[in-house]
């Protein structure tokens, strides 16, 4: 039986029946071409969909994709 490699730490199961990729601040900042500092501010202000775990902000892939698509359409 083939052994699967361990999952990266940045992937978190948010529901037992549905797995969704969560991005960290640096990944979304790179993708949006903004600074992590700006992204932190946007998350605090509710300008971008984000979830806070303790002191860390995380971003659902589907929510970020939708947010980017809406901004591109406007």
PDB file of N, CA and C in Angstrom:
ATOM      1  N   UNK A   1       0.836  -1.164   0.000  1.00  0.00           N
ATOM      2  CA  UNK A   1       0.000   0.000   0.000  1.00  0.00           C
ATOM      3  C   UNK A   1       0.895   1.246   0.000  1.00  0.00           C
ATOM      4  N   UNK A   2       0.549   2.196  -0.872  1.00  0.00           N
ATOM      5  CA  UNK A   2       1.350   3.409  -1.000  1.00  0.00           C
ATOM      6  C   UNK A   2       1.014   4.384   0.133  1.00  0.00           C
ATOM      7  N   UNK A   3       2.057   4.892   0.751  1.00  0.00           N
ATOM      8  CA  UNK A   3       1.871   5.826   1.856  1.00  0.00           C
ATOM      9  C   UNK A   3       1.767   7.250   1.304  1.00  0.00           C
ATOM     10  N   UNK A   4       0.724   7.993   1.758  1.00  0.00           N
ATOM     11  CA  UNK A   4       0.525   9.368   1.312  1.00  0.00           C
ATOM     12  C   UNK A   4       1.470  10.287   2.067  1.00  0.00           C
ATOM     13  N   UNK A   5       1.985  11.309   1.385  1.00  0.00           N
ATOM     14  CA  UNK A   5       2.849  12.271   2.084  1.00  0.00           C
ATOM     15  C   UNK A   5       2.015  13.089   3.079  1.00  0.00           C
ATOM     16  N   UNK A   6       2.647  13.602   4.117  1.00  0.00           N
ATOM     17  CA  UNK A   6       1.887  14.404   5.086  1.00  0.00           C
ATOM     18  C   UNK A   6       1.341  15.670   4.432  1.00  0.00           C
ATOM     19  N   UNK A   7       0.205  16.124   4.940  1.00  0.00           N
ATOM     20  CA  UNK A   7      -0.409  17.341   4.410  1.00  0.00           C
ATOM     21  C   UNK A   7       0.341  18.563   4.914  1.00  0.00           C
ATOM     22  N   UNK A   8       0.443  19.593   4.081  1.00  0.00           N
ATOM     23  CA  UNK A   8       1.087  20.830   4.539  1.00  0.00           C
ATOM     24  C   UNK A   8       0.323  21.437   5.713  1.00  0.00           C
ATOM     25  N   UNK A   9       1.045  22.142   6.586  1.00  0.00           N
ATOM     26  CA  UNK A   9       0.435  22.725   7.773  1.00  0.00           C
ATOM     27  C   UNK A   9      -0.636  23.749   7.440  1.00  0.00           C
ATOM     28  N   UNK A  10      -0.521  24.438   6.294  1.00  0.00           N
ATOM     29  CA  UNK A  10      -1.462  25.507   5.981  1.00  0.00           C
ATOM     30  C   UNK A  10      -2.795  25.001   5.451  1.00  0.00           C
ATOM     31  N   UNK A  11      -2.955  23.694   5.258  1.00  0.00           N
ATOM     32  CA  UNK A  11      -4.234  23.150   4.850  1.00  0.00           C
ATOM     33  C   UNK A  11      -4.975  22.672   6.088  1.00  0.00           C
ATOM     34  N   UNK A  12      -6.166  23.182   6.279  1.00  0.00           N
ATOM     35  CA  UNK A  12      -6.955  22.867   7.458  1.00  0.00           C
ATOM     36  C   UNK A  12      -8.325  22.375   7.006  1.00  0.00           C
ATOM     37  N   UNK A  13      -8.824  21.309   7.628  1.00  0.00           N
ATOM     38  CA  UNK A  13     -10.169  20.819   7.342  1.00  0.00           C
ATOM     39  C   UNK A  13     -11.161  21.726   8.054  1.00  0.00           C
ATOM     40  N   UNK A  14     -12.040  22.387   7.288  1.00  0.00           N
ATOM     41  CA  UNK A  14     -13.015  23.248   7.936  1.00  0.00           C
ATOM     42  C   UNK A  14     -14.346  22.542   8.145  1.00  0.00           C
ATOM     43  N   UNK A  15     -14.584  21.461   7.428  1.00  0.00           N
ATOM     44  CA  UNK A  15     -15.768  20.643   7.619  1.00  0.00           C
ATOM     45  C   UNK A  15     -15.379  19.201   7.324  1.00  0.00           C
ATOM     46  N   UNK A  16     -16.004  18.268   8.033  1.00  0.00           N
ATOM     47  CA  UNK A  16     -15.652  16.865   7.843  1.00  0.00           C
ATOM     48  C   UNK A  16     -15.998  16.385   6.435  1.00  0.00           C
ATOM     49  N   UNK A  17     -17.118  16.860   5.873  1.00  0.00           N
ATOM     50  CA  UNK A  17     -17.543  16.376   4.558  1.00  0.00           C
ATOM     51  C   UNK A  17     -17.050  17.243   3.402  1.00  0.00           C
ATOM     52  N   UNK A  18     -16.416  18.366   3.694  1.00  0.00           N
ATOM     53  CA  UNK A  18     -15.947  19.256   2.632  1.00  0.00           C
ATOM     54  C   UNK A  18     -14.632  19.890   3.054  1.00  0.00           C
ATOM     55  N   UNK A  19     -13.613  19.671   2.258  1.00  0.00           N
ATOM     56  CA  UNK A  19     -12.312  20.255   2.544  1.00  0.00           C
ATOM     57  C   UNK A  19     -12.132  21.482   1.672  1.00  0.00           C
ATOM     58  N   UNK A  20     -11.693  22.546   2.282  1.00  0.00           N
ATOM     59  CA  UNK A  20     -11.446  23.754   1.516  1.00  0.00           C
ATOM     60  C   UNK A  20     -10.099  24.331   1.915  1.00  0.00           C
ATOM     61  N   UNK A  21      -9.374  24.760   0.929  1.00  0.00           N
ATOM     62  CA  UNK A  21      -8.048  25.328   1.125  1.00  0.00           C
ATOM     63  C   UNK A  21      -8.173  26.668   1.823  1.00  0.00           C
ATOM     64  N   UNK A  22      -7.373  26.879   2.847  1.00  0.00           N
ATOM     65  CA  UNK A  22      -7.291  28.172   3.515  1.00  0.00           C
ATOM     66  C   UNK A  22      -5.933  28.785   3.218  1.00  0.00           C
ATOM     67  N   UNK A  23      -5.947  30.039   2.776  1.00  0.00           N
ATOM     68  CA  UNK A  23      -4.712  30.762   2.493  1.00  0.00           C
ATOM     69  C   UNK A  23      -4.290  31.561   3.715  1.00  0.00           C
ATOM     70  N   UNK A  24      -2.996  31.784   3.863  1.00  0.00           N
ATOM     71  CA  UNK A  24      -2.528  32.691   4.902  1.00  0.00           C
ATOM     72  C   UNK A  24      -2.365  34.082   4.289  1.00  0.00           C
ATOM     73  N   UNK A  25      -2.015  35.049   5.121  1.00  0.00           N
ATOM     74  CA  UNK A  25      -1.918  36.441   4.685  1.00  0.00           C
ATOM     75  C   UNK A  25      -0.912  36.612   3.548  1.00  0.00           C
ATOM     76  N   UNK A  26       0.236  35.981   3.652  1.00  0.00           N
ATOM     77  CA  UNK A  26       1.256  36.152   2.614  1.00  0.00           C
ATOM     78  C   UNK A  26       0.811  35.601   1.266  1.00  0.00           C
ATOM     79  N   UNK A  27       0.112  34.471   1.270  1.00  0.00           N
ATOM     80  CA  UNK A  27      -0.354  33.892   0.012  1.00  0.00           C
ATOM     81  C   UNK A  27      -1.369  34.803  -0.678  1.00  0.00           C
ATOM     82  N   UNK A  28      -2.307  35.350   0.094  1.00  0.00           N
ATOM     83  CA  UNK A  28      -3.318  36.229  -0.500  1.00  0.00           C
ATOM     84  C   UNK A  28      -2.686  37.553  -0.920  1.00  0.00           C
ATOM     85  N   UNK A  29      -1.767  38.067  -0.123  1.00  0.00           N
ATOM     86  CA  UNK A  29      -1.088  39.311  -0.478  1.00  0.00           C
ATOM     87  C   UNK A  29      -0.341  39.152  -1.802  1.00  0.00           C
ATOM     88  N   UNK A  30       0.354  38.046  -1.984  1.00  0.00           N
ATOM     89  CA  UNK A  30       1.047  37.785  -3.253  1.00  0.00           C
ATOM     90  C   UNK A  30       0.062  37.703  -4.405  1.00  0.00           C
ATOM     91  N   UNK A  31      -1.028  37.003  -4.171  1.00  0.00           N
ATOM     92  CA  UNK A  31      -2.024  36.809  -5.220  1.00  0.00           C
ATOM     93  C   UNK A  31      -2.699  38.121  -5.617  1.00  0.00           C
ATOM     94  N   UNK A  32      -2.943  38.996  -4.635  1.00  0.00           N
ATOM     95  CA  UNK A  32      -3.628  40.266  -4.887  1.00  0.00           C
ATOM     96  C   UNK A  32      -2.661  41.407  -5.188  1.00  0.00           C
ATOM     97  N   UNK A  33      -1.374  41.123  -5.112  1.00  0.00           N
ATOM     98  CA  UNK A  33      -0.339  42.133  -5.368  1.00  0.00           C
ATOM     99  C   UNK A  33      -0.471  43.338  -4.430  1.00  0.00           C
ATOM    100  N   UNK A  34      -0.670  43.040  -3.140  1.00  0.00           N
ATOM    101  CA  UNK A  34      -0.707  44.068  -2.096  1.00  0.00           C
ATOM    102  C   UNK A  34       0.206  43.624  -0.962  1.00  0.00           C
ATOM    103  N   UNK A  35       0.480  44.532  -0.056  1.00  0.00           N
ATOM    104  CA  UNK A  35       1.334  44.172   1.077  1.00  0.00           C
ATOM    105  C   UNK A  35       0.532  43.403   2.122  1.00  0.00           C
ATOM    106  N   UNK A  36       1.196  42.521   2.877  1.00  0.00           N
ATOM    107  CA  UNK A  36       0.504  41.833   3.974  1.00  0.00           C
ATOM    108  C   UNK A  36      -0.107  42.817   4.971  1.00  0.00           C
ATOM    109  N   UNK A  37       0.548  43.956   5.177  1.00  0.00           N
ATOM    110  CA  UNK A  37       0.031  44.974   6.100  1.00  0.00           C
ATOM    111  C   UNK A  37      -1.326  45.496   5.614  1.00  0.00           C
ATOM    112  N   UNK A  38      -1.437  45.761   4.323  1.00  0.00           N
ATOM    113  CA  UNK A  38      -2.716  46.212   3.756  1.00  0.00           C
ATOM    114  C   UNK A  38      -3.781  45.139   3.921  1.00  0.00           C
ATOM    115  N   UNK A  39      -3.405  43.901   3.677  1.00  0.00           N
ATOM    116  CA  UNK A  39      -4.350  42.800   3.798  1.00  0.00           C
ATOM    117  C   UNK A  39      -4.839  42.640   5.238  1.00  0.00           C
ATOM    118  N   UNK A  40      -3.949  42.788   6.216  1.00  0.00           N
ATOM    119  CA  UNK A  40      -4.359  42.755   7.625  1.00  0.00           C
ATOM    120  C   UNK A  40      -5.399  43.847   7.897  1.00  0.00           C
ATOM    121  N   UNK A  41      -5.135  45.044   7.391  1.00  0.00           N
ATOM    122  CA  UNK A  41      -6.057  46.159   7.609  1.00  0.00           C
ATOM    123  C   UNK A  41      -7.408  45.872   6.954  1.00  0.00           C
ATOM    124  N   UNK A  42      -7.395  45.388   5.713  1.00  0.00           N
ATOM    125  CA  UNK A  42      -8.641  45.071   5.023  1.00  0.00           C
ATOM    126  C   UNK A  42      -9.435  44.014   5.782  1.00  0.00           C
ATOM    127  N   UNK A  43      -8.751  42.990   6.314  1.00  0.00           N
ATOM    128  CA  UNK A  43      -9.431  41.932   7.066  1.00  0.00           C
ATOM    129  C   UNK A  43     -10.067  42.512   8.331  1.00  0.00           C
ATOM    130  N   UNK A  44      -9.322  43.343   9.062  1.00  0.00           N
ATOM    131  CA  UNK A  44      -9.869  43.973  10.282  1.00  0.00           C
ATOM    132  C   UNK A  44     -11.088  44.829   9.967  1.00  0.00           C
ATOM    133  N   UNK A  45     -11.045  45.529   8.844  1.00  0.00           N
ATOM    134  CA  UNK A  45     -12.124  46.436   8.446  1.00  0.00           C
ATOM    135  C   UNK A  45     -13.287  45.700   7.781  1.00  0.00           C
ATOM    136  N   UNK A  46     -13.129  44.416   7.494  1.00  0.00           N
ATOM    137  CA  UNK A  46     -14.181  43.647   6.843  1.00  0.00           C
ATOM    138  C   UNK A  46     -14.271  43.894   5.343  1.00  0.00           C
ATOM    139  N   UNK A  47     -13.223  44.453   4.755  1.00  0.00           N
ATOM    140  CA  UNK A  47     -13.219  44.736   3.320  1.00  0.00           C
ATOM    141  C   UNK A  47     -12.912  43.503   2.476  1.00  0.00           C
ATOM    142  N   UNK A  48     -12.368  42.463   3.090  1.00  0.00           N
ATOM    143  CA  UNK A  48     -12.053  41.217   2.402  1.00  0.00           C
ATOM    144  C   UNK A  48     -12.522  40.075   3.313  1.00  0.00           C
ATOM    145  N   UNK A  49     -13.107  39.018   2.733  1.00  0.00           N
ATOM    146  CA  UNK A  49     -13.596  37.921   3.578  1.00  0.00           C
ATOM    147  C   UNK A  49     -12.438  37.181   4.237  1.00  0.00           C
ATOM    148  N   UNK A  50     -12.489  37.094   5.560  1.00  0.00           N
ATOM    149  CA  UNK A  50     -11.400  36.477   6.319  1.00  0.00           C
ATOM    150  C   UNK A  50     -11.943  35.857   7.592  1.00  0.00           C
ATOM    151  N   UNK A  51     -11.174  34.915   8.123  1.00  0.00           N
ATOM    152  CA  UNK A  51     -11.494  34.254   9.386  1.00  0.00           C
ATOM    153  C   UNK A  51     -10.275  34.394  10.276  1.00  0.00           C
ATOM    154  N   UNK A  52     -10.500  34.751  11.530  1.00  0.00           N
ATOM    155  CA  UNK A  52      -9.378  34.929  12.444  1.00  0.00           C
ATOM    156  C   UNK A  52      -9.309  33.743  13.402  1.00  0.00           C
ATOM    157  N   UNK A  53      -8.135  33.127  13.480  1.00  0.00           N
ATOM    158  CA  UNK A  53      -7.852  32.042  14.411  1.00  0.00           C
ATOM    159  C   UNK A  53      -6.814  32.562  15.390  1.00  0.00           C
ATOM    160  N   UNK A  54      -7.246  32.952  16.575  1.00  0.00           N
ATOM    161  CA  UNK A  54      -6.309  33.550  17.520  1.00  0.00           C
ATOM    162  C   UNK A  54      -5.805  34.856  16.952  1.00  0.00           C
ATOM    163  N   UNK A  55      -4.505  34.943  16.711  1.00  0.00           N
ATOM    164  CA  UNK A  55      -3.904  36.149  16.133  1.00  0.00           C
ATOM    165  C   UNK A  55      -3.711  36.046  14.623  1.00  0.00           C
ATOM    166  N   UNK A  56      -4.049  34.906  14.035  1.00  0.00           N
ATOM    167  CA  UNK A  56      -3.770  34.663  12.618  1.00  0.00           C
ATOM    168  C   UNK A  56      -5.020  34.810  11.758  1.00  0.00           C
ATOM    169  N   UNK A  57      -4.882  35.510  10.659  1.00  0.00           N
ATOM    170  CA  UNK A  57      -5.955  35.621   9.677  1.00  0.00           C
ATOM    171  C   UNK A  57      -5.801  34.513   8.647  1.00  0.00           C
ATOM    172  N   UNK A  58      -6.921  33.908   8.266  1.00  0.00           N
ATOM    173  CA  UNK A  58      -6.957  32.900   7.205  1.00  0.00           C
ATOM    174  C   UNK A  58      -8.063  33.267   6.237  1.00  0.00           C
ATOM    175  N   UNK A  59      -7.894  32.837   5.003  1.00  0.00           N
ATOM    176  CA  UNK A  59      -8.785  33.227   3.917  1.00  0.00           C
ATOM    177  C   UNK A  59      -9.213  31.977   3.153  1.00  0.00           C
ATOM    178  N   UNK A  60     -10.529  31.749   3.041  1.00  0.00           N
ATOM    179  CA  UNK A  60     -11.026  30.608   2.277  1.00  0.00           C
ATOM    180  C   UNK A  60     -10.782  30.849   0.803  1.00  0.00           C
ATOM    181  N   UNK A  61     -10.276  29.829   0.132  1.00  0.00           N
ATOM    182  CA  UNK A  61      -9.974  29.943  -1.296  1.00  0.00           C
ATOM    183  C   UNK A  61     -11.205  30.370  -2.080  1.00  0.00           C
ATOM    184  N   UNK A  62     -12.343  29.739  -1.829  1.00  0.00           N
ATOM    185  CA  UNK A  62     -13.559  30.062  -2.584  1.00  0.00           C
ATOM    186  C   UNK A  62     -13.997  31.505  -2.348  1.00  0.00           C
ATOM    187  N   UNK A  63     -13.878  31.985  -1.110  1.00  0.00           N
ATOM    188  CA  UNK A  63     -14.275  33.364  -0.805  1.00  0.00           C
ATOM    189  C   UNK A  63     -13.340  34.364  -1.469  1.00  0.00           C
ATOM    190  N   UNK A  64     -12.049  34.069  -1.478  1.00  0.00           N
ATOM    191  CA  UNK A  64     -11.082  34.971  -2.117  1.00  0.00           C
ATOM    192  C   UNK A  64     -11.280  34.974  -3.635  1.00  0.00           C
ATOM    193  N   UNK A  65     -11.493  33.791  -4.218  1.00  0.00           N
ATOM    194  CA  UNK A  65     -11.749  33.727  -5.664  1.00  0.00           C
ATOM    195  C   UNK A  65     -12.975  34.545  -6.037  1.00  0.00           C
ATOM    196  N   UNK A  66     -14.043  34.417  -5.253  1.00  0.00           N
ATOM    197  CA  UNK A  66     -15.273  35.173  -5.505  1.00  0.00           C
ATOM    198  C   UNK A  66     -15.038  36.674  -5.329  1.00  0.00           C
ATOM    199  N   UNK A  67     -14.315  37.049  -4.286  1.00  0.00           N
ATOM    200  CA  UNK A  67     -14.018  38.456  -4.015  1.00  0.00           C
ATOM    201  C   UNK A  67     -13.218  39.069  -5.171  1.00  0.00           C
ATOM    202  N   UNK A  68     -12.220  38.341  -5.649  1.00  0.00           N
ATOM    203  CA  UNK A  68     -11.403  38.819  -6.779  1.00  0.00           C
ATOM    204  C   UNK A  68     -12.267  38.959  -8.029  1.00  0.00           C
ATOM    205  N   UNK A  69     -13.102  37.969  -8.307  1.00  0.00           N
ATOM    206  CA  UNK A  69     -13.969  38.016  -9.499  1.00  0.00           C
ATOM    207  C   UNK A  69     -14.936  39.194  -9.441  1.00  0.00           C
ATOM    208  N   UNK A  70     -15.514  39.463  -8.261  1.00  0.00           N
ATOM    209  CA  UNK A  70     -16.424  40.608  -8.120  1.00  0.00           C
ATOM    210  C   UNK A  70     -15.698  41.920  -8.372  1.00  0.00           C
ATOM    211  N   UNK A  71     -14.483  42.032  -7.855  1.00  0.00           N
ATOM    212  CA  UNK A  71     -13.712  43.271  -8.033  1.00  0.00           C
ATOM    213  C   UNK A  71     -13.319  43.462  -9.491  1.00  0.00           C
ATOM    214  N   UNK A  72     -13.027  42.361 -10.180  1.00  0.00           N
ATOM    215  CA  UNK A  72     -12.657  42.458 -11.596  1.00  0.00           C
ATOM    216  C   UNK A  72     -13.860  42.832 -12.450  1.00  0.00           C
ATOM    217  N   UNK A  73     -15.056  42.390 -12.055  1.00  0.00           N
ATOM    218  CA  UNK A  73     -16.270  42.663 -12.818  1.00  0.00           C
ATOM    219  C   UNK A  73     -16.744  44.095 -12.661  1.00  0.00           C
ATOM    220  N   UNK A  74     -16.369  44.740 -11.563  1.00  0.00           N
ATOM    221  CA  UNK A  74     -16.851  46.114 -11.338  1.00  0.00           C
ATOM    222  C   UNK A  74     -15.936  47.152 -11.929  1.00  0.00           C
TER     223      UNK A  74
END
